[in-house]
Amino acid sequence: MPSDVTDLVYTPPDGGWGWVVVVASFISIGFAFSFPKSLTIYFKEIQEHFIISYSEIAWVSSIMMATTYAGGPVSSVLVNRYGSRAVVIIGGLMVSAAMITASFATSVMHLFICVGVIGGFGLAFNLQPSLTITAKYFFVKRPIANGLAMAGSPVLLSVLAPLNQFLFDNFGWRGSFLILGGVLLHCCVAGSLMRPIKIKPAVKKPTHQSVTEVDVTHQTAETINRQGCVEKVNRFIDLSIFKHRGFLIYLVGNVVMLFGFFAPIVFLVPYAEQHGIDEHDAVLLLSIFSLADTVACPGTGFIASTGWIRPNIQYFFSFAVACNGVCHLTCSLLSGYVGLVVYTIIFGLTCGMVGALKFEVLMDLVGAHQFSSTVGLVTVIECIPVLLGPPIFGLLVDIFKDYKFIHFTSGGMLLTSGVFLFIMNYYNYRQLENKEKASKKELQISSANELPAREEANDKEAAVNMRSEEATYST
């Protein structure tokens, strides 16, 4: 079930300026997710320029995506301290400077540092603050708002794919990187629209010591320092979330999923070219994928907000992940350009479902009040499969000289993740139901045990009152 709005210290407006924030998040999230994928158009030329293998060139987008995820905790701390607006603007400046500097690269290591590390941190400062501020503005309409915001990824990918092809044909990869550095300044514009929501801090009621005061003199200096460090860490990153069973299930399932989630996108264009598809038609597949993804994101958000799906959104997410895996496993059964188009459409629809639900189910588990710190922990752990996934699949291409092994492996991982999430979420819900029933039963038993004592106390009170009345009457 969605976390109760009473967990917050304010009432989300569910509209108003929140829709402007959704547009801003649409832009910043779109660049954060789509930009590393769109760079695959330049891979072949960069590979020939620096004379490197498939697995080596795959590290460029892989490091960028992994750094975007790894920068989550840093972004969380900065958002909690300075707000989403300032962090997104800084992120836009960073990724812009990274691409401008990368246009003068003299080695592939230069690209790793500029595009991968610096650019990845810039995108991290766009992603997490956008998700956080959207959750603050919405509660009832949150699935729809998240779906619209996440639609920025496929929409911008559909724009960046032909744009990058045009820039590459006219300016080469160096000139294209220089121009893209200017395009990425749109992230700063998006950040300026993220007006902070005014939240009145909760007033804590003073606690009264009933019998004795706490004697702090018995605490050692080491214990006090340890408690102070824990409090400082928990102020920004809530580590107690690792005791949450539902969160751990979500985390394990997503780590397995992300090992195979990005590779089919990264190698979609080379896969089509290997099957004899013209370069421009192969790039068109990215636009088709983006269009299907664009339709799926808000559509999934609308479905997820309905009365039947919202309480079962964890199952809906596992279904989307499993469908994405089946799509890749059956990819080899489709042949020709028409077959690739059909595969790309289904791939885009299922990918859009996963993208629209991925962070919504996390908000459903932990609540909007814990989401800012939790998403930082999630992304830093998920950076491992995001970093290693594409290069590992690139190594498969180097060994077998065929892209079909990418689809078999990634499809198997996604299907495994979907089944795992479905089974474990069912187990988690059953455990929660049993715990709730047990607590109700204990409450009933305690009430039944207290009833005779209450009746006896009432009888005694009635007897005392009767005696006092008799004494008054006799007097």
Protein backbone atom coordinates (compact mmCIF):
# COMPACT_ATOMS: atom_id res chain seq x y z
CA MET A 1 0.00 0.00 0.00
CA PRO A 2 1.21 3.55 -0.61
CA SER A 3 2.75 5.23 2.38
CA ASP A 4 0.24 7.36 4.26
CA VAL A 5 0.30 11.09 3.64
CA THR A 6 0.15 11.58 7.40
CA ASP A 7 3.80 10.48 7.50
CA LEU A 8 4.62 13.93 6.11
CA VAL A 9 4.64 17.17 8.09
CA TYR A 10 2.71 18.98 5.33
CA THR A 11 0.03 18.32 2.71
CA PRO A 12 1.41 18.00 -0.86
CA PRO A 13 -0.42 20.39 -3.22
CA ASP A 14 -0.87 17.67 -5.91
CA GLY A 15 -0.87 20.34 -8.62
CA GLY A 16 -0.31 24.07 -9.05
CA TRP A 17 3.39 24.87 -9.50
CA GLY A 18 3.97 21.14 -9.13
CA TRP A 19 3.16 20.68 -12.83
CA VAL A 20 5.89 23.19 -13.72
CA VAL A 21 8.24 21.14 -11.54
CA VAL A 22 7.17 18.03 -13.48
CA VAL A 23 8.17 19.78 -16.73
CA ALA A 24 11.54 20.71 -15.21
CA SER A 25 12.02 17.13 -13.96
CA PHE A 26 11.02 15.92 -17.44
CA ILE A 27 14.01 17.81 -18.86
CA SER A 28 16.61 16.97 -16.21
CA ILE A 29 15.61 13.30 -15.85
CA GLY A 30 15.46 13.04 -19.62
CA PHE A 31 19.06 14.14 -20.00
CA ALA A 32 20.20 11.97 -17.07
CA PHE A 33 18.85 8.75 -18.59
CA SER A 34 18.92 9.37 -22.35
CA PHE A 35 22.22 11.15 -22.85
CA PRO A 36 24.53 8.17 -22.11
CA LYS A 37 22.45 5.99 -24.46
CA SER A 38 22.50 8.53 -27.28
CA LEU A 39 26.30 8.63 -27.30
CA THR A 40 26.42 5.11 -28.81
CA ILE A 41 26.10 6.72 -32.25
CA TYR A 42 29.68 7.99 -31.90
CA PHE A 43 31.11 4.70 -30.63
CA LYS A 44 32.12 3.21 -33.97
CA GLU A 45 34.02 6.32 -35.05
CA ILE A 46 35.70 6.76 -31.65
CA GLN A 47 36.58 3.06 -31.64
CA GLU A 48 38.35 3.40 -35.00
CA HIS A 49 39.99 6.69 -33.99
CA PHE A 50 41.61 5.29 -30.82
CA ILE A 51 41.88 1.69 -32.16
CA ILE A 52 40.06 0.00 -29.27
CA SER A 53 37.66 -2.97 -28.90
CA TYR A 54 33.88 -3.16 -28.36
CA SER A 55 34.29 -3.84 -24.65
CA GLU A 56 36.63 -0.85 -24.20
CA ILE A 57 34.41 1.69 -25.97
CA ALA A 58 31.40 0.40 -23.98
CA TRP A 59 33.12 1.68 -20.84
CA VAL A 60 32.43 5.30 -21.89
CA SER A 61 28.64 5.16 -21.48
CA SER A 62 28.95 2.50 -18.79
CA ILE A 63 31.13 4.70 -16.55
CA MET A 64 28.83 7.65 -17.20
CA MET A 65 25.70 5.71 -16.18
CA ALA A 66 27.46 4.11 -13.21
CA THR A 67 28.73 7.48 -11.95
CA THR A 68 25.21 8.86 -12.35
CA TYR A 69 24.04 6.15 -9.98
CA ALA A 70 27.08 6.29 -7.68
CA GLY A 71 26.65 10.03 -7.18
CA GLY A 72 23.29 9.40 -5.50
CA PRO A 73 24.44 9.73 -1.86
CA VAL A 74 26.45 12.89 -2.61
CA SER A 75 23.44 14.32 -4.40
CA SER A 76 21.17 13.36 -1.47
CA VAL A 77 23.38 15.20 1.02
CA LEU A 78 23.52 18.29 -1.18
CA VAL A 79 19.75 18.25 -1.77
CA ASN A 80 19.05 17.99 1.96
CA ARG A 81 21.43 20.89 2.57
CA TYR A 82 20.87 23.25 -0.37
CA GLY A 83 17.67 22.08 -2.08
CA SER A 84 16.98 20.63 -5.54
CA ARG A 85 17.24 23.89 -7.49
CA ALA A 86 20.90 24.66 -6.70
CA VAL A 87 22.04 21.06 -7.14
CA VAL A 88 20.43 20.67 -10.59
CA ILE A 89 21.97 23.95 -11.81
CA ILE A 90 25.43 22.84 -10.63
CA GLY A 91 24.89 19.46 -12.30
CA GLY A 92 24.02 21.12 -15.60
CA LEU A 93 27.20 23.20 -15.49
CA MET A 94 29.30 20.13 -14.70
CA VAL A 95 28.02 17.91 -17.51
CA SER A 96 28.25 20.80 -19.98
CA ALA A 97 31.88 21.48 -19.05
CA ALA A 98 32.61 17.74 -19.25
CA MET A 99 31.43 17.43 -22.86
CA ILE A 100 33.24 20.60 -23.96
CA THR A 101 36.48 19.30 -22.42
CA ALA A 102 35.95 15.84 -23.94
CA SER A 103 35.86 17.35 -27.43
CA PHE A 104 39.62 17.92 -27.05
CA ALA A 105 40.34 14.35 -25.88
CA THR A 106 43.68 12.84 -26.91
CA SER A 107 43.04 9.35 -25.49
CA VAL A 108 40.18 7.10 -24.48
CA MET A 109 41.21 7.58 -20.82
CA HIS A 110 40.49 11.28 -21.30
CA LEU A 111 36.96 10.33 -22.40
CA PHE A 112 36.56 8.05 -19.39
CA ILE A 113 37.38 10.90 -17.01
CA CYS A 114 35.52 13.75 -18.74
CA VAL A 115 32.44 12.04 -20.16
CA GLY A 116 32.29 9.15 -17.69
CA VAL A 117 33.23 10.59 -14.29
CA ILE A 118 32.65 14.36 -14.47
CA GLY A 119 29.68 14.10 -16.83
CA GLY A 120 28.24 11.24 -14.80
CA PHE A 121 28.33 13.27 -11.58
CA GLY A 122 26.68 16.16 -13.40
CA LEU A 123 23.84 13.87 -14.49
CA ALA A 124 23.58 12.49 -10.94
CA PHE A 125 22.97 16.04 -9.73
CA ASN A 126 20.11 16.21 -12.24
CA LEU A 127 18.48 12.84 -11.54
CA GLN A 128 18.07 12.50 -7.78
CA PRO A 129 16.96 16.09 -7.00
CA SER A 130 14.30 15.89 -9.73
CA LEU A 131 12.87 12.68 -8.29
CA THR A 132 12.90 14.12 -4.78
CA ILE A 133 11.15 17.40 -5.53
CA THR A 134 8.46 15.63 -7.61
CA ALA A 135 7.69 13.40 -4.62
CA LYS A 136 7.37 16.49 -2.40
CA TYR A 137 4.80 18.17 -4.66
CA PHE A 138 2.56 15.10 -5.22
CA PHE A 139 0.94 12.26 -3.29
CA VAL A 140 -2.45 11.23 -4.75
CA LYS A 141 -1.32 12.02 -8.31
CA ARG A 142 2.26 10.91 -7.72
CA PRO A 143 2.24 7.89 -10.10
CA ILE A 144 0.99 10.10 -12.94
CA ALA A 145 3.52 12.85 -12.10
CA ASN A 146 6.37 10.34 -11.96
CA GLY A 147 5.25 8.76 -15.22
CA LEU A 148 5.21 12.13 -16.97
CA ALA A 149 8.61 13.08 -15.52
CA MET A 150 10.16 9.74 -16.51
CA ALA A 151 8.79 10.19 -20.04
CA GLY A 152 11.55 12.78 -20.46
CA SER A 153 14.03 9.95 -21.02
CA PRO A 154 12.44 8.49 -24.20
CA VAL A 155 11.34 11.88 -25.54
CA LEU A 156 14.81 13.38 -25.30
CA LEU A 157 16.34 10.15 -26.62
CA SER A 158 14.10 10.41 -29.69
CA VAL A 159 15.35 13.98 -30.17
CA LEU A 160 19.02 13.32 -29.36
CA ALA A 161 19.32 10.27 -31.65
CA PRO A 162 18.68 12.11 -34.95
CA LEU A 163 20.36 15.25 -33.59
CA ASN A 164 23.54 13.32 -32.82
CA GLN A 165 23.45 11.69 -36.26
CA PHE A 166 23.10 15.12 -37.89
CA LEU A 167 25.91 16.60 -35.79
CA PHE A 168 28.14 13.60 -36.46
CA ASP A 169 27.62 13.80 -40.23
CA ASN A 170 28.43 17.53 -40.30
CA PHE A 171 30.92 18.13 -37.49
CA GLY A 172 32.40 14.76 -36.51
CA TRP A 173 32.49 13.47 -32.97
CA ARG A 174 34.70 16.27 -31.62
CA GLY A 175 32.53 19.08 -32.97
CA SER A 176 29.41 17.22 -31.84
CA PHE A 177 30.71 16.95 -28.27
CA LEU A 178 31.42 20.68 -28.24
CA ILE A 179 27.88 21.53 -29.41
CA LEU A 180 26.31 19.03 -26.99
CA GLY A 181 28.09 20.85 -24.17
CA GLY A 182 25.98 23.90 -24.98
CA VAL A 183 22.77 21.86 -25.37
CA LEU A 184 23.21 20.41 -21.88
CA LEU A 185 22.93 23.89 -20.35
CA HIS A 186 19.17 23.35 -20.64
CA CYS A 187 19.56 21.42 -17.37
CA CYS A 188 20.34 24.74 -15.66
CA VAL A 189 17.10 26.19 -17.02
CA ALA A 190 15.20 23.19 -15.68
CA GLY A 191 16.82 23.61 -12.27
CA SER A 192 15.77 27.26 -12.07
CA LEU A 193 12.11 26.15 -12.34
CA MET A 194 12.34 23.85 -9.31
CA ARG A 195 10.91 26.26 -6.76
CA PRO A 196 11.28 24.85 -3.22
CA ILE A 197 8.04 23.85 -1.56
CA LYS A 198 7.46 25.59 1.76
CA ILE A 199 7.37 23.01 4.53
CA LYS A 200 6.69 23.90 8.13
CA PRO A 201 8.92 21.79 10.39
CA ALA A 202 7.17 19.42 12.72
CA VAL A 203 6.92 20.67 16.32
CA LYS A 204 8.15 18.03 18.67
CA LYS A 205 6.35 17.82 21.98
CA PRO A 206 8.66 18.08 24.97
CA THR A 207 9.11 14.84 26.84
CA HIS A 208 8.77 14.82 30.61
CA GLN A 209 10.91 12.69 32.87
CA SER A 210 8.50 10.86 35.16
CA VAL A 211 10.57 9.54 38.05
CA THR A 212 14.29 10.18 37.66
CA GLU A 213 16.49 12.20 35.33
CA VAL A 214 18.88 10.44 32.98
CA ASP A 215 22.34 10.32 34.45
CA VAL A 216 24.64 11.14 31.54
CA THR A 217 27.72 10.88 33.68
CA HIS A 218 27.62 7.08 33.33
CA GLN A 219 28.07 7.38 29.56
CA THR A 220 31.62 7.26 28.37
CA ALA A 221 33.01 9.84 25.99
CA GLU A 222 33.44 7.12 23.35
CA THR A 223 29.72 6.22 23.49
CA ILE A 224 28.70 9.87 23.20
CA ASN A 225 30.98 10.41 20.20
CA ARG A 226 29.68 7.25 18.51
CA GLN A 227 26.07 8.35 18.99
CA GLY A 228 26.94 11.80 17.67
CA CYS A 229 28.47 10.34 14.50
CA VAL A 230 25.46 8.08 13.91
CA GLU A 231 23.09 11.01 14.34
CA LYS A 232 25.09 13.11 11.87
CA VAL A 233 25.06 10.30 9.28
CA ASN A 234 21.35 9.58 9.76
CA ARG A 235 20.59 13.27 9.35
CA PHE A 236 21.54 12.92 5.67
CA ILE A 237 21.45 9.17 4.91
CA ASP A 238 19.07 6.95 6.89
CA LEU A 239 20.97 3.66 7.26
CA SER A 240 18.14 2.12 9.30
CA ILE A 241 16.36 1.46 5.97
CA PHE A 242 18.45 -1.71 5.62
CA LYS A 243 16.25 -3.24 8.34
CA HIS A 244 13.24 -2.84 6.02
CA ARG A 245 12.46 -6.26 4.46
CA GLY A 246 10.53 -4.83 1.53
CA PHE A 247 13.38 -2.45 0.71
CA LEU A 248 15.93 -5.30 0.72
CA ILE A 249 13.73 -7.31 -1.67
CA TYR A 250 13.48 -4.30 -3.97
CA LEU A 251 17.24 -3.73 -3.83
CA VAL A 252 18.23 -7.35 -4.66
CA GLY A 253 15.74 -7.58 -7.51
CA ASN A 254 16.89 -4.29 -9.03
CA VAL A 255 20.58 -5.18 -8.84
CA VAL A 256 19.94 -8.38 -10.83
CA MET A 257 17.71 -6.47 -13.26
CA LEU A 258 20.22 -3.69 -13.95
CA PHE A 259 22.94 -6.13 -15.00
CA GLY A 260 20.94 -6.78 -18.15
CA PHE A 261 18.78 -3.69 -18.45
CA PHE A 262 21.01 -1.20 -20.30
CA ALA A 263 23.05 -3.46 -22.59
CA PRO A 264 20.31 -4.08 -25.22
CA ILE A 265 19.80 -0.29 -25.49
CA VAL A 266 23.52 0.47 -25.75
CA PHE A 267 24.02 -2.13 -28.51
CA LEU A 268 20.70 -1.67 -30.35
CA VAL A 269 22.21 0.27 -33.27
CA PRO A 270 25.28 -2.00 -33.71
CA TYR A 271 22.97 -5.04 -33.48
CA ALA A 272 20.86 -3.71 -36.37
CA GLU A 273 23.95 -2.84 -38.44
CA GLN A 274 25.27 -6.39 -37.95
CA HIS A 275 22.04 -7.65 -39.57
CA GLY A 276 22.68 -5.54 -42.68
CA ILE A 277 20.52 -2.56 -41.77
CA ASP A 278 21.55 0.83 -43.14
CA GLU A 279 23.18 3.17 -40.62
CA HIS A 280 20.40 5.77 -40.76
CA ASP A 281 17.67 3.11 -40.51
CA ALA A 282 19.49 1.61 -37.53
CA VAL A 283 19.53 5.00 -35.80
CA LEU A 284 15.82 5.32 -36.58
CA LEU A 285 15.25 2.32 -34.31
CA LEU A 286 16.31 4.50 -31.36
CA SER A 287 13.58 6.97 -32.26
CA ILE A 288 11.02 4.16 -32.55
CA PHE A 289 12.17 2.82 -29.19
CA SER A 290 11.85 6.29 -27.69
CA LEU A 291 8.35 6.81 -29.11
CA ALA A 292 7.13 3.53 -27.61
CA ASP A 293 8.85 4.39 -24.33
CA THR A 294 7.20 7.83 -24.36
CA VAL A 295 3.74 6.31 -24.72
CA ALA A 296 4.41 3.70 -22.03
CA CYS A 297 5.68 6.02 -19.27
CA PRO A 298 2.61 8.26 -18.71
CA GLY A 299 0.27 5.40 -19.65
CA THR A 300 1.82 3.20 -16.97
CA GLY A 301 1.64 6.06 -14.47
CA PHE A 302 -2.07 6.49 -15.17
CA ILE A 303 -2.73 2.74 -14.79
CA ALA A 304 -0.65 2.60 -11.60
CA SER A 305 -2.76 5.34 -10.01
CA THR A 306 -6.01 3.36 -10.38
CA GLY A 307 -7.69 1.92 -7.30
CA TRP A 308 -6.85 -1.72 -8.05
CA ILE A 309 -3.24 -1.34 -9.25
CA ARG A 310 -2.02 1.21 -6.65
CA PRO A 311 -2.24 -1.22 -3.69
CA ASN A 312 -0.58 -3.94 -5.83
CA ILE A 313 2.02 -1.77 -7.54
CA GLN A 314 4.89 -4.03 -6.44
CA TYR A 315 3.36 -6.93 -8.40
CA PHE A 316 2.79 -4.64 -11.37
CA PHE A 317 6.48 -3.70 -11.35
CA SER A 318 7.62 -7.34 -11.24
CA PHE A 319 5.29 -8.09 -14.17
CA ALA A 320 6.86 -5.24 -16.20
CA VAL A 321 10.41 -6.48 -15.50
CA ALA A 322 9.51 -10.06 -16.49
CA CYS A 323 7.87 -8.86 -19.73
CA ASN A 324 11.02 -6.92 -20.60
CA GLY A 325 13.07 -10.09 -20.16
CA VAL A 326 10.75 -12.20 -22.33
CA CYS A 327 11.00 -9.53 -25.03
CA HIS A 328 14.80 -9.97 -25.27
CA LEU A 329 14.63 -13.78 -25.15
CA THR A 330 12.30 -13.86 -28.15
CA CYS A 331 14.23 -11.20 -30.11
CA SER A 332 16.13 -13.75 -32.22
CA LEU A 333 12.84 -15.19 -33.51
CA LEU A 334 12.17 -11.95 -35.43
CA SER A 335 14.09 -11.38 -38.66
CA GLY A 336 14.48 -8.51 -41.11
CA TYR A 337 13.98 -4.82 -40.52
CA VAL A 338 10.25 -5.25 -39.86
CA GLY A 339 11.07 -7.82 -37.20
CA LEU A 340 13.54 -5.42 -35.59
CA VAL A 341 10.91 -2.68 -35.58
CA VAL A 342 8.40 -4.99 -33.84
CA TYR A 343 11.04 -5.98 -31.29
CA THR A 344 11.99 -2.32 -30.74
CA ILE A 345 8.36 -1.31 -30.14
CA ILE A 346 7.79 -4.08 -27.58
CA PHE A 347 11.17 -3.31 -26.03
CA GLY A 348 10.25 0.37 -25.73
CA LEU A 349 6.84 -0.34 -24.20
CA THR A 350 8.19 -2.73 -21.55
CA CYS A 351 11.19 -0.48 -20.85
CA GLY A 352 8.83 2.45 -20.36
CA MET A 353 6.77 0.44 -17.89
CA VAL A 354 9.87 -0.40 -15.86
CA GLY A 355 11.15 3.18 -15.97
CA ALA A 356 7.83 4.68 -14.88
CA LEU A 357 7.50 2.28 -11.92
CA LYS A 358 11.11 1.87 -10.75
CA PHE A 359 11.20 4.84 -8.37
CA GLU A 360 7.46 4.92 -7.71
CA VAL A 361 7.59 1.48 -6.06
CA LEU A 362 10.51 2.69 -3.92
CA MET A 363 8.42 5.68 -2.77
CA ASP A 364 5.59 3.24 -2.10
CA LEU A 365 7.86 1.23 0.20
CA VAL A 366 9.64 3.98 2.18
CA GLY A 367 7.40 7.03 1.80
CA ALA A 368 8.25 10.45 0.38
CA HIS A 369 9.75 11.61 3.71
CA GLN A 370 12.53 8.95 3.49
CA PHE A 371 12.87 8.87 -0.29
CA SER A 372 15.62 11.50 -0.60
CA SER A 373 18.12 9.58 1.52
CA THR A 374 16.96 6.13 0.41
CA VAL A 375 17.29 6.77 -3.31
CA GLY A 376 20.89 7.83 -2.75
CA LEU A 377 21.70 4.52 -1.09
CA VAL A 378 19.90 2.60 -3.83
CA THR A 379 21.69 4.30 -6.69
CA VAL A 380 25.18 3.91 -5.20
CA ILE A 381 24.62 0.14 -4.85
CA GLU A 382 23.05 -0.13 -8.29
CA CYS A 383 26.03 1.58 -9.89
CA ILE A 384 27.92 -1.75 -9.75
CA PRO A 385 25.68 -3.60 -12.26
CA VAL A 386 25.27 -0.42 -14.30
CA LEU A 387 29.07 -0.12 -14.52
CA LEU A 388 29.86 -3.77 -15.23
CA GLY A 389 26.86 -4.75 -17.37
CA PRO A 390 27.61 -3.15 -20.79
CA PRO A 391 31.38 -3.96 -20.78
CA ILE A 392 30.66 -7.60 -19.87
CA PHE A 393 28.18 -7.85 -22.73
CA GLY A 394 30.68 -6.07 -24.98
CA LEU A 395 33.19 -8.77 -24.07
CA LEU A 396 30.65 -11.39 -25.21
CA VAL A 397 30.52 -9.62 -28.58
CA ASP A 398 34.33 -9.64 -28.81
CA ILE A 399 34.42 -13.37 -28.06
CA PHE A 400 31.45 -14.68 -30.09
CA LYS A 401 31.22 -11.91 -32.72
CA ASP A 402 27.42 -12.01 -32.40
CA TYR A 403 25.01 -9.71 -30.54
CA LYS A 404 22.36 -12.38 -29.93
CA PHE A 405 24.18 -13.52 -26.78
CA ILE A 406 23.52 -10.07 -25.32
CA HIS A 407 19.77 -10.57 -25.67
CA PHE A 408 19.80 -14.12 -24.29
CA THR A 409 21.83 -13.16 -21.22
CA SER A 410 20.07 -9.89 -20.45
CA GLY A 411 16.65 -11.44 -21.07
CA GLY A 412 17.42 -14.26 -18.63
CA MET A 413 18.55 -11.79 -15.96
CA LEU A 414 15.45 -9.63 -16.34
CA LEU A 415 13.09 -12.60 -16.26
CA THR A 416 14.84 -13.95 -13.16
CA SER A 417 14.54 -10.55 -11.48
CA GLY A 418 10.83 -10.28 -12.29
CA VAL A 419 10.02 -13.73 -10.92
CA PHE A 420 12.11 -13.07 -7.81
CA LEU A 421 10.36 -9.77 -7.11
CA PHE A 422 6.91 -11.32 -7.56
CA ILE A 423 7.57 -14.28 -5.24
CA MET A 424 9.38 -12.31 -2.55
CA ASN A 425 6.83 -9.48 -2.53
CA TYR A 426 4.08 -12.06 -2.08
CA TYR A 427 6.06 -13.53 0.83
CA ASN A 428 6.61 -10.06 2.31
CA TYR A 429 2.92 -9.15 2.12
CA ARG A 430 1.96 -12.45 3.73
CA GLN A 431 4.39 -11.84 6.59
CA LEU A 432 3.01 -8.34 7.12
CA GLU A 433 -0.56 -9.67 7.14
CA ASN A 434 0.34 -12.38 9.66
CA LYS A 435 2.08 -9.80 11.85
CA GLU A 436 -0.95 -7.52 11.71
CA LYS A 437 -3.29 -10.38 12.58
CA ALA A 438 -1.05 -11.42 15.49
CA SER A 439 -0.97 -7.86 16.86
CA LYS A 440 -4.77 -7.63 16.63
CA LYS A 441 -5.13 -10.96 18.40
CA GLU A 442 -2.80 -9.85 21.18
CA LEU A 443 -4.77 -6.64 21.52
CA GLN A 444 -8.02 -8.60 21.82
CA ILE A 445 -6.51 -10.95 24.42
CA SER A 446 -5.12 -8.07 26.46
CA SER A 447 -8.50 -6.33 26.27
CA ALA A 448 -10.25 -9.51 27.41
CA ASN A 449 -7.81 -9.88 30.32
CA GLU A 450 -8.27 -6.28 31.36
CA LEU A 451 -12.08 -6.48 31.26
CA PRO A 452 -12.56 -8.44 34.55
CA ALA A 453 -10.13 -6.12 36.31
CA ARG A 454 -12.05 -3.11 35.04
CA GLU A 455 -15.37 -4.64 36.13
CA GLU A 456 -13.95 -5.39 39.58
CA ALA A 457 -12.63 -1.83 39.87
CA ASN A 458 -16.02 -0.48 38.78
CA ASP A 459 -17.78 -2.69 41.37
CA LYS A 460 -15.45 -1.44 44.11
CA GLU A 461 -16.01 2.16 43.06
CA ALA A 462 -19.79 1.60 43.06
CA ALA A 463 -19.63 0.02 46.53
CA VAL A 464 -17.64 2.97 47.91
CA ASN A 465 -20.11 5.41 46.41
CA MET A 466 -23.03 3.48 47.91
CA ARG A 467 -21.44 3.54 51.39
CA SER A 468 -20.81 7.27 51.19
CA GLU A 469 -24.41 7.85 50.12
CA GLU A 470 -25.70 5.70 53.04
CA ALA A 471 -23.49 7.58 55.49
CA THR A 472 -24.79 10.90 54.18
CA TYR A 473 -28.40 9.71 54.44
CA SER A 474 -27.98 8.44 58.02
CA THR A 475 -26.42 11.73 59.03
